[in-house]
Amino acid sequence: LARFAFIPVTDTVFYLLGSGEYDELGLVDVLRVIIQVLRDVLGKAPSAGLLLDKYTKLCLVVDEVINEGLLEAVDKEAIKKGIKGKAAWE
């Protein structure tokens, strides 16, 4: 059974699709962490233009949270620490 959640932020809507043990509330919690980390990393609320300009940062954050389809990190500080050690091409 697939579930999805979305959160609008400025002019962007973040979607997350999941299945298995994650219900809609769990997906919303993961999305909130992703958005909070993006705010910290980008220095302001993510918008469409900013995300296009900083697409690499977006990819690093998502890659740190979701690895090969599995949820890995949902701790804000752990995510930020993890992306500091990665280069954009890894």
PDB file of N, CA and C in Angstrom:
ATOM      1  N   LEU A   1       0.843  -1.176   0.000  1.00  0.00           N
ATOM      2  CA  LEU A   1       0.000   0.000   0.000  1.00  0.00           C
ATOM      3  C   LEU A   1       0.892   1.245   0.000  1.00  0.00           C
ATOM      4  N   ALA A   2       0.776   2.034  -1.015  1.00  0.00           N
ATOM      5  CA  ALA A   2       1.583   3.253  -1.126  1.00  0.00           C
ATOM      6  C   ALA A   2       0.855   4.420  -0.458  1.00  0.00           C
ATOM      7  N   ARG A   3       1.650   5.261   0.177  1.00  0.00           N
ATOM      8  CA  ARG A   3       1.113   6.461   0.823  1.00  0.00           C
ATOM      9  C   ARG A   3       1.953   7.640   0.370  1.00  0.00           C
ATOM     10  N   PHE A   4       1.347   8.819   0.400  1.00  0.00           N
ATOM     11  CA  PHE A   4       2.129  10.001   0.054  1.00  0.00           C
ATOM     12  C   PHE A   4       1.757  11.151   0.969  1.00  0.00           C
ATOM     13  N   ALA A   5       2.693  12.086   1.047  1.00  0.00           N
ATOM     14  CA  ALA A   5       2.478  13.292   1.841  1.00  0.00           C
ATOM     15  C   ALA A   5       3.103  14.446   1.073  1.00  0.00           C
ATOM     16  N   PHE A   6       2.596  15.633   1.322  1.00  0.00           N
ATOM     17  CA  PHE A   6       3.178  16.811   0.683  1.00  0.00           C
ATOM     18  C   PHE A   6       3.120  17.991   1.630  1.00  0.00           C
ATOM     19  N   ILE A   7       4.093  18.903   1.458  1.00  0.00           N
ATOM     20  CA  ILE A   7       4.149  20.126   2.247  1.00  0.00           C
ATOM     21  C   ILE A   7       4.496  21.272   1.304  1.00  0.00           C
ATOM     22  N   PRO A   8       3.635  22.279   1.210  1.00  0.00           N
ATOM     23  CA  PRO A   8       3.982  23.456   0.400  1.00  0.00           C
ATOM     24  C   PRO A   8       4.914  24.388   1.171  1.00  0.00           C
ATOM     25  N   VAL A   9       5.938  24.896   0.474  1.00  0.00           N
ATOM     26  CA  VAL A   9       6.881  25.854   1.048  1.00  0.00           C
ATOM     27  C   VAL A   9       7.133  26.910  -0.018  1.00  0.00           C
ATOM     28  N   THR A  10       6.883  28.153   0.297  1.00  0.00           N
ATOM     29  CA  THR A  10       6.959  29.281  -0.646  1.00  0.00           C
ATOM     30  C   THR A  10       6.264  28.897  -1.946  1.00  0.00           C
ATOM     31  N   ASP A  11       7.004  28.825  -3.052  1.00  0.00           N
ATOM     32  CA  ASP A  11       6.388  28.516  -4.346  1.00  0.00           C
ATOM     33  C   ASP A  11       6.660  27.073  -4.778  1.00  0.00           C
ATOM     34  N   THR A  12       6.993  26.205  -3.827  1.00  0.00           N
ATOM     35  CA  THR A  12       7.371  24.826  -4.112  1.00  0.00           C
ATOM     36  C   THR A  12       6.537  23.885  -3.250  1.00  0.00           C
ATOM     37  N   VAL A  13       6.233  22.720  -3.796  1.00  0.00           N
ATOM     38  CA  VAL A  13       5.541  21.695  -3.022  1.00  0.00           C
ATOM     39  C   VAL A  13       6.458  20.474  -2.965  1.00  0.00           C
ATOM     40  N   PHE A  14       6.781  20.032  -1.750  1.00  0.00           N
ATOM     41  CA  PHE A  14       7.610  18.856  -1.543  1.00  0.00           C
ATOM     42  C   PHE A  14       6.700  17.645  -1.366  1.00  0.00           C
ATOM     43  N   TYR A  15       6.956  16.593  -2.138  1.00  0.00           N
ATOM     44  CA  TYR A  15       6.186  15.355  -2.078  1.00  0.00           C
ATOM     45  C   TYR A  15       7.090  14.227  -1.612  1.00  0.00           C
ATOM     46  N   LEU A  16       6.505  13.278  -0.888  1.00  0.00           N
ATOM     47  CA  LEU A  16       7.231  12.078  -0.499  1.00  0.00           C
ATOM     48  C   LEU A  16       6.267  10.905  -0.612  1.00  0.00           C
ATOM     49  N   LEU A  17       6.713   9.863  -1.284  1.00  0.00           N
ATOM     50  CA  LEU A  17       5.916   8.661  -1.474  1.00  0.00           C
ATOM     51  C   LEU A  17       6.581   7.539  -0.694  1.00  0.00           C
ATOM     52  N   GLY A  18       5.803   6.774   0.041  1.00  0.00           N
ATOM     53  CA  GLY A  18       6.371   5.693   0.827  1.00  0.00           C
ATOM     54  C   GLY A  18       5.416   4.522   0.925  1.00  0.00           C
ATOM     55  N   SER A  19       5.935   3.437   1.421  1.00  0.00           N
ATOM     56  CA  SER A  19       5.108   2.250   1.620  1.00  0.00           C
ATOM     57  C   SER A  19       5.654   1.490   2.822  1.00  0.00           C
ATOM     58  N   GLY A  20       4.961   0.444   3.190  1.00  0.00           N
ATOM     59  CA  GLY A  20       5.438  -0.374   4.304  1.00  0.00           C
ATOM     60  C   GLY A  20       5.107   0.245   5.638  1.00  0.00           C
ATOM     61  N   GLU A  21       6.131   0.409   6.464  1.00  0.00           N
ATOM     62  CA  GLU A  21       5.914   0.822   7.851  1.00  0.00           C
ATOM     63  C   GLU A  21       5.617   2.304   8.015  1.00  0.00           C
ATOM     64  N   TYR A  22       5.751   3.107   6.976  1.00  0.00           N
ATOM     65  CA  TYR A  22       5.572   4.558   7.098  1.00  0.00           C
ATOM     66  C   TYR A  22       4.171   4.977   6.676  1.00  0.00           C
ATOM     67  N   ASP A  23       3.453   5.564   7.621  1.00  0.00           N
ATOM     68  CA  ASP A  23       2.150   6.110   7.288  1.00  0.00           C
ATOM     69  C   ASP A  23       2.324   7.578   6.895  1.00  0.00           C
ATOM     70  N   GLU A  24       1.236   8.260   6.651  1.00  0.00           N
ATOM     71  CA  GLU A  24       1.289   9.645   6.208  1.00  0.00           C
ATOM     72  C   GLU A  24       1.974  10.558   7.220  1.00  0.00           C
ATOM     73  N   LEU A  25       1.719  10.331   8.503  1.00  0.00           N
ATOM     74  CA  LEU A  25       2.339  11.162   9.535  1.00  0.00           C
ATOM     75  C   LEU A  25       3.847  10.960   9.586  1.00  0.00           C
ATOM     76  N   GLY A  26       4.296   9.735   9.409  1.00  0.00           N
ATOM     77  CA  GLY A  26       5.730   9.458   9.364  1.00  0.00           C
ATOM     78  C   GLY A  26       6.385  10.127   8.163  1.00  0.00           C
ATOM     79  N   LEU A  27       5.697  10.104   7.033  1.00  0.00           N
ATOM     80  CA  LEU A  27       6.228  10.755   5.828  1.00  0.00           C
ATOM     81  C   LEU A  27       6.307  12.268   6.009  1.00  0.00           C
ATOM     82  N   VAL A  28       5.311  12.843   6.654  1.00  0.00           N
ATOM     83  CA  VAL A  28       5.328  14.285   6.914  1.00  0.00           C
ATOM     84  C   VAL A  28       6.495  14.646   7.824  1.00  0.00           C
ATOM     85  N   ASP A  29       6.762  13.813   8.825  1.00  0.00           N
ATOM     86  CA  ASP A  29       7.904  14.061   9.709  1.00  0.00           C
ATOM     87  C   ASP A  29       9.219  14.056   8.929  1.00  0.00           C
ATOM     88  N   VAL A  30       9.375  13.119   8.012  1.00  0.00           N
ATOM     89  CA  VAL A  30      10.583  13.049   7.193  1.00  0.00           C
ATOM     90  C   VAL A  30      10.686  14.282   6.300  1.00  0.00           C
ATOM     91  N   LEU A  31       9.574  14.670   5.686  1.00  0.00           N
ATOM     92  CA  LEU A  31       9.571  15.871   4.841  1.00  0.00           C
ATOM     93  C   LEU A  31       9.943  17.120   5.633  1.00  0.00           C
ATOM     94  N   ARG A  32       9.434  17.232   6.837  1.00  0.00           N
ATOM     95  CA  ARG A  32       9.758  18.398   7.674  1.00  0.00           C
ATOM     96  C   ARG A  32      11.257  18.466   7.969  1.00  0.00           C
ATOM     97  N   VAL A  33      11.861  17.321   8.240  1.00  0.00           N
ATOM     98  CA  VAL A  33      13.301  17.296   8.492  1.00  0.00           C
ATOM     99  C   VAL A  33      14.059  17.719   7.240  1.00  0.00           C
ATOM    100  N   ILE A  34      13.671  17.188   6.081  1.00  0.00           N
ATOM    101  CA  ILE A  34      14.326  17.565   4.822  1.00  0.00           C
ATOM    102  C   ILE A  34      14.227  19.066   4.601  1.00  0.00           C
ATOM    103  N   ILE A  35      13.056  19.631   4.808  1.00  0.00           N
ATOM    104  CA  ILE A  35      12.842  21.071   4.598  1.00  0.00           C
ATOM    105  C   ILE A  35      13.654  21.884   5.601  1.00  0.00           C
ATOM    106  N   GLN A  36      13.702  21.453   6.859  1.00  0.00           N
ATOM    107  CA  GLN A  36      14.490  22.171   7.871  1.00  0.00           C
ATOM    108  C   GLN A  36      15.971  22.159   7.528  1.00  0.00           C
ATOM    109  N   VAL A  37      16.482  21.013   7.096  1.00  0.00           N
ATOM    110  CA  VAL A  37      17.896  20.927   6.722  1.00  0.00           C
ATOM    111  C   VAL A  37      18.162  21.800   5.505  1.00  0.00           C
ATOM    112  N   LEU A  38      17.265  21.788   4.529  1.00  0.00           N
ATOM    113  CA  LEU A  38      17.442  22.651   3.352  1.00  0.00           C
ATOM    114  C   LEU A  38      17.466  24.119   3.762  1.00  0.00           C
ATOM    115  N   ARG A  39      16.598  24.519   4.675  1.00  0.00           N
ATOM    116  CA  ARG A  39      16.610  25.907   5.167  1.00  0.00           C
ATOM    117  C   ARG A  39      17.956  26.251   5.788  1.00  0.00           C
ATOM    118  N   ASP A  40      18.488  25.347   6.597  1.00  0.00           N
ATOM    119  CA  ASP A  40      19.784  25.579   7.244  1.00  0.00           C
ATOM    120  C   ASP A  40      20.910  25.633   6.223  1.00  0.00           C
ATOM    121  N   VAL A  41      20.916  24.700   5.295  1.00  0.00           N
ATOM    122  CA  VAL A  41      21.994  24.609   4.309  1.00  0.00           C
ATOM    123  C   VAL A  41      21.945  25.772   3.318  1.00  0.00           C
ATOM    124  N   LEU A  42      20.741  26.152   2.911  1.00  0.00           N
ATOM    125  CA  LEU A  42      20.585  27.213   1.909  1.00  0.00           C
ATOM    126  C   LEU A  42      20.553  28.608   2.525  1.00  0.00           C
ATOM    127  N   GLY A  43      20.301  28.694   3.815  1.00  0.00           N
ATOM    128  CA  GLY A  43      20.279  29.984   4.483  1.00  0.00           C
ATOM    129  C   GLY A  43      18.939  30.692   4.449  1.00  0.00           C
ATOM    130  N   LYS A  44      17.968  30.127   3.758  1.00  0.00           N
ATOM    131  CA  LYS A  44      16.599  30.674   3.740  1.00  0.00           C
ATOM    132  C   LYS A  44      15.641  29.604   3.255  1.00  0.00           C
ATOM    133  N   ALA A  45      14.359  29.925   3.289  1.00  0.00           N
ATOM    134  CA  ALA A  45      13.342  28.954   2.889  1.00  0.00           C
ATOM    135  C   ALA A  45      13.541  28.551   1.428  1.00  0.00           C
ATOM    136  N   PRO A  46      13.457  27.252   1.152  1.00  0.00           N
ATOM    137  CA  PRO A  46      13.655  26.795  -0.225  1.00  0.00           C
ATOM    138  C   PRO A  46      12.539  27.285  -1.146  1.00  0.00           C
ATOM    139  N   SER A  47      12.932  27.824  -2.276  1.00  0.00           N
ATOM    140  CA  SER A  47      11.993  28.230  -3.312  1.00  0.00           C
ATOM    141  C   SER A  47      12.414  27.546  -4.606  1.00  0.00           C
ATOM    142  N   ALA A  48      11.561  27.594  -5.606  1.00  0.00           N
ATOM    143  CA  ALA A  48      11.867  26.924  -6.872  1.00  0.00           C
ATOM    144  C   ALA A  48      13.177  27.431  -7.467  1.00  0.00           C
ATOM    145  N   GLY A  49      13.347  28.738  -7.518  1.00  0.00           N
ATOM    146  CA  GLY A  49      14.555  29.309  -8.093  1.00  0.00           C
ATOM    147  C   GLY A  49      15.802  28.949  -7.307  1.00  0.00           C
ATOM    148  N   LEU A  50      15.703  29.023  -5.993  1.00  0.00           N
ATOM    149  CA  LEU A  50      16.847  28.706  -5.139  1.00  0.00           C
ATOM    150  C   LEU A  50      17.219  27.224  -5.260  1.00  0.00           C
ATOM    151  N   LEU A  51      16.216  26.354  -5.312  1.00  0.00           N
ATOM    152  CA  LEU A  51      16.493  24.928  -5.444  1.00  0.00           C
ATOM    153  C   LEU A  51      17.119  24.595  -6.798  1.00  0.00           C
ATOM    154  N   LEU A  52      16.710  25.306  -7.841  1.00  0.00           N
ATOM    155  CA  LEU A  52      17.348  25.090  -9.145  1.00  0.00           C
ATOM    156  C   LEU A  52      18.799  25.551  -9.125  1.00  0.00           C
ATOM    157  N   ASP A  53      19.052  26.682  -8.482  1.00  0.00           N
ATOM    158  CA  ASP A  53      20.424  27.192  -8.382  1.00  0.00           C
ATOM    159  C   ASP A  53      21.298  26.293  -7.515  1.00  0.00           C
ATOM    160  N   LYS A  54      20.725  25.721  -6.484  1.00  0.00           N
ATOM    161  CA  LYS A  54      21.470  24.901  -5.520  1.00  0.00           C
ATOM    162  C   LYS A  54      21.021  23.439  -5.585  1.00  0.00           C
ATOM    163  N   TYR A  55      20.768  22.968  -6.788  1.00  0.00           N
ATOM    164  CA  TYR A  55      20.242  21.616  -6.990  1.00  0.00           C
ATOM    165  C   TYR A  55      21.147  20.554  -6.376  1.00  0.00           C
ATOM    166  N   THR A  56      22.449  20.773  -6.437  1.00  0.00           N
ATOM    167  CA  THR A  56      23.409  19.822  -5.874  1.00  0.00           C
ATOM    168  C   THR A  56      23.179  19.656  -4.377  1.00  0.00           C
ATOM    169  N   LYS A  57      22.937  20.749  -3.671  1.00  0.00           N
ATOM    170  CA  LYS A  57      22.684  20.681  -2.219  1.00  0.00           C
ATOM    171  C   LYS A  57      21.410  19.885  -1.939  1.00  0.00           C
ATOM    172  N   LEU A  58      20.375  20.128  -2.751  1.00  0.00           N
ATOM    173  CA  LEU A  58      19.128  19.386  -2.599  1.00  0.00           C
ATOM    174  C   LEU A  58      19.384  17.892  -2.754  1.00  0.00           C
ATOM    175  N   CYS A  59      20.135  17.521  -3.777  1.00  0.00           N
ATOM    176  CA  CYS A  59      20.435  16.103  -4.016  1.00  0.00           C
ATOM    177  C   CYS A  59      21.221  15.491  -2.867  1.00  0.00           C
ATOM    178  N   LEU A  60      22.191  16.226  -2.324  1.00  0.00           N
ATOM    179  CA  LEU A  60      22.977  15.710  -1.207  1.00  0.00           C
ATOM    180  C   LEU A  60      22.110  15.471   0.021  1.00  0.00           C
ATOM    181  N   VAL A  61      21.203  16.397   0.303  1.00  0.00           N
ATOM    182  CA  VAL A  61      20.313  16.246   1.466  1.00  0.00           C
ATOM    183  C   VAL A  61      19.411  15.032   1.285  1.00  0.00           C
ATOM    184  N   VAL A  62      18.768  14.921   0.125  1.00  0.00           N
ATOM    185  CA  VAL A  62      17.864  13.795  -0.120  1.00  0.00           C
ATOM    186  C   VAL A  62      18.635  12.482  -0.099  1.00  0.00           C
ATOM    187  N   ASP A  63      19.829  12.465  -0.673  1.00  0.00           N
ATOM    188  CA  ASP A  63      20.647  11.253  -0.685  1.00  0.00           C
ATOM    189  C   ASP A  63      21.039  10.825   0.724  1.00  0.00           C
ATOM    190  N   GLU A  64      21.268  11.784   1.591  1.00  0.00           N
ATOM    191  CA  GLU A  64      21.629  11.465   2.977  1.00  0.00           C
ATOM    192  C   GLU A  64      20.435  10.896   3.742  1.00  0.00           C
ATOM    193  N   VAL A  65      19.243  11.357   3.416  1.00  0.00           N
ATOM    194  CA  VAL A  65      18.030  10.889   4.108  1.00  0.00           C
ATOM    195  C   VAL A  65      17.557   9.554   3.537  1.00  0.00           C
ATOM    196  N   ILE A  66      17.525   9.457   2.216  1.00  0.00           N
ATOM    197  CA  ILE A  66      17.003   8.261   1.553  1.00  0.00           C
ATOM    198  C   ILE A  66      18.112   7.673   0.696  1.00  0.00           C
ATOM    199  N   ASN A  67      18.548   6.480   1.047  1.00  0.00           N
ATOM    200  CA  ASN A  67      19.634   5.834   0.320  1.00  0.00           C
ATOM    201  C   ASN A  67      19.117   4.537  -0.293  1.00  0.00           C
ATOM    202  N   GLU A  68      19.149   4.445  -1.605  1.00  0.00           N
ATOM    203  CA  GLU A  68      18.690   3.273  -2.344  1.00  0.00           C
ATOM    204  C   GLU A  68      17.268   2.877  -1.947  1.00  0.00           C
ATOM    205  N   GLY A  69      16.415   3.874  -1.782  1.00  0.00           N
ATOM    206  CA  GLY A  69      15.014   3.633  -1.473  1.00  0.00           C
ATOM    207  C   GLY A  69      14.703   3.374  -0.010  1.00  0.00           C
ATOM    208  N   LEU A  70      15.719   3.377   0.851  1.00  0.00           N
ATOM    209  CA  LEU A  70      15.501   3.120   2.272  1.00  0.00           C
ATOM    210  C   LEU A  70      15.783   4.369   3.087  1.00  0.00           C
ATOM    211  N   LEU A  71      14.954   4.591   4.064  1.00  0.00           N
ATOM    212  CA  LEU A  71      15.125   5.732   4.947  1.00  0.00           C
ATOM    213  C   LEU A  71      16.333   5.489   5.839  1.00  0.00           C
ATOM    214  N   GLU A  72      17.284   6.430   5.820  1.00  0.00           N
ATOM    215  CA  GLU A  72      18.502   6.254   6.612  1.00  0.00           C
ATOM    216  C   GLU A  72      18.571   7.221   7.772  1.00  0.00           C
ATOM    217  N   ALA A  73      18.639   8.505   7.492  1.00  0.00           N
ATOM    218  CA  ALA A  73      18.849   9.492   8.547  1.00  0.00           C
ATOM    219  C   ALA A  73      17.666  10.444   8.614  1.00  0.00           C
ATOM    220  N   VAL A  74      17.137  10.644   9.803  1.00  0.00           N
ATOM    221  CA  VAL A  74      16.084  11.636   9.987  1.00  0.00           C
ATOM    222  C   VAL A  74      16.449  12.617  11.096  1.00  0.00           C
ATOM    223  N   ASP A  75      17.680  12.556  11.561  1.00  0.00           N
ATOM    224  CA  ASP A  75      18.159  13.499  12.552  1.00  0.00           C
ATOM    225  C   ASP A  75      18.821  14.666  11.825  1.00  0.00           C
ATOM    226  N   LYS A  76      18.346  15.862  12.102  1.00  0.00           N
ATOM    227  CA  LYS A  76      18.800  17.061  11.398  1.00  0.00           C
ATOM    228  C   LYS A  76      20.315  17.236  11.462  1.00  0.00           C
ATOM    229  N   GLU A  77      20.899  17.080  12.624  1.00  0.00           N
ATOM    230  CA  GLU A  77      22.342  17.276  12.783  1.00  0.00           C
ATOM    231  C   GLU A  77      23.139  16.175  12.083  1.00  0.00           C
ATOM    232  N   ALA A  78      22.643  14.954  12.116  1.00  0.00           N
ATOM    233  CA  ALA A  78      23.321  13.849  11.443  1.00  0.00           C
ATOM    234  C   ALA A  78      23.325  14.057   9.927  1.00  0.00           C
ATOM    235  N   ILE A  79      22.245  14.575   9.399  1.00  0.00           N
ATOM    236  CA  ILE A  79      22.153  14.844   7.967  1.00  0.00           C
ATOM    237  C   ILE A  79      23.151  15.919   7.574  1.00  0.00           C
ATOM    238  N   LYS A  80      23.172  17.017   8.341  1.00  0.00           N
ATOM    239  CA  LYS A  80      24.107  18.103   8.028  1.00  0.00           C
ATOM    240  C   LYS A  80      25.552  17.631   8.120  1.00  0.00           C
ATOM    241  N   LYS A  81      25.857  16.802   9.107  1.00  0.00           N
ATOM    242  CA  LYS A  81      27.206  16.270   9.252  1.00  0.00           C
ATOM    243  C   LYS A  81      27.541  15.361   8.073  1.00  0.00           C
ATOM    244  N   GLY A  82      26.584  14.560   7.648  1.00  0.00           N
ATOM    245  CA  GLY A  82      26.796  13.641   6.536  1.00  0.00           C
ATOM    246  C   GLY A  82      27.043  14.336   5.212  1.00  0.00           C
ATOM    247  N   ILE A  83      26.341  15.442   4.962  1.00  0.00           N
ATOM    248  CA  ILE A  83      26.530  16.118   3.677  1.00  0.00           C
ATOM    249  C   ILE A  83      27.808  16.938   3.652  1.00  0.00           C
ATOM    250  N   LYS A  84      28.338  17.301   4.813  1.00  0.00           N
ATOM    251  CA  LYS A  84      29.608  18.036   4.836  1.00  0.00           C
ATOM    252  C   LYS A  84      30.742  17.167   4.306  1.00  0.00           C
ATOM    253  N   GLY A  85      30.658  15.874   4.552  1.00  0.00           N
ATOM    254  CA  GLY A  85      31.725  14.978   4.135  1.00  0.00           C
ATOM    255  C   GLY A  85      31.611  14.494   2.705  1.00  0.00           C
ATOM    256  N   LYS A  86      30.562  14.872   2.006  1.00  0.00           N
ATOM    257  CA  LYS A  86      30.362  14.402   0.643  1.00  0.00           C
ATOM    258  C   LYS A  86      30.646  15.499  -0.364  1.00  0.00           C
ATOM    259  N   ALA A  87      31.246  15.100  -1.437  1.00  0.00           N
ATOM    260  CA  ALA A  87      31.407  16.011  -2.564  1.00  0.00           C
ATOM    261  C   ALA A  87      30.188  15.863  -3.470  1.00  0.00           C
ATOM    262  N   ALA A  88      29.933  16.835  -4.291  1.00  0.00           N
ATOM    263  CA  ALA A  88      28.746  16.837  -5.139  1.00  0.00           C
ATOM    264  C   ALA A  88      28.733  15.679  -6.134  1.00  0.00           C
ATOM    265  N   TRP A  89      29.845  15.129  -6.466  1.00  0.00           N
ATOM    266  CA  TRP A  89      29.893  14.078  -7.485  1.00  0.00           C
ATOM    267  C   TRP A  89      29.857  12.679  -6.904  1.00  0.00           C
ATOM    268  N   GLU A  90      29.774  12.512  -5.573  1.00  0.00           N
ATOM    269  CA  GLU A  90      29.736  11.170  -4.979  1.00  0.00           C
ATOM    270  C   GLU A  90      28.364  10.576  -5.097  1.00  0.00           C
TER     271      GLU A  90
END
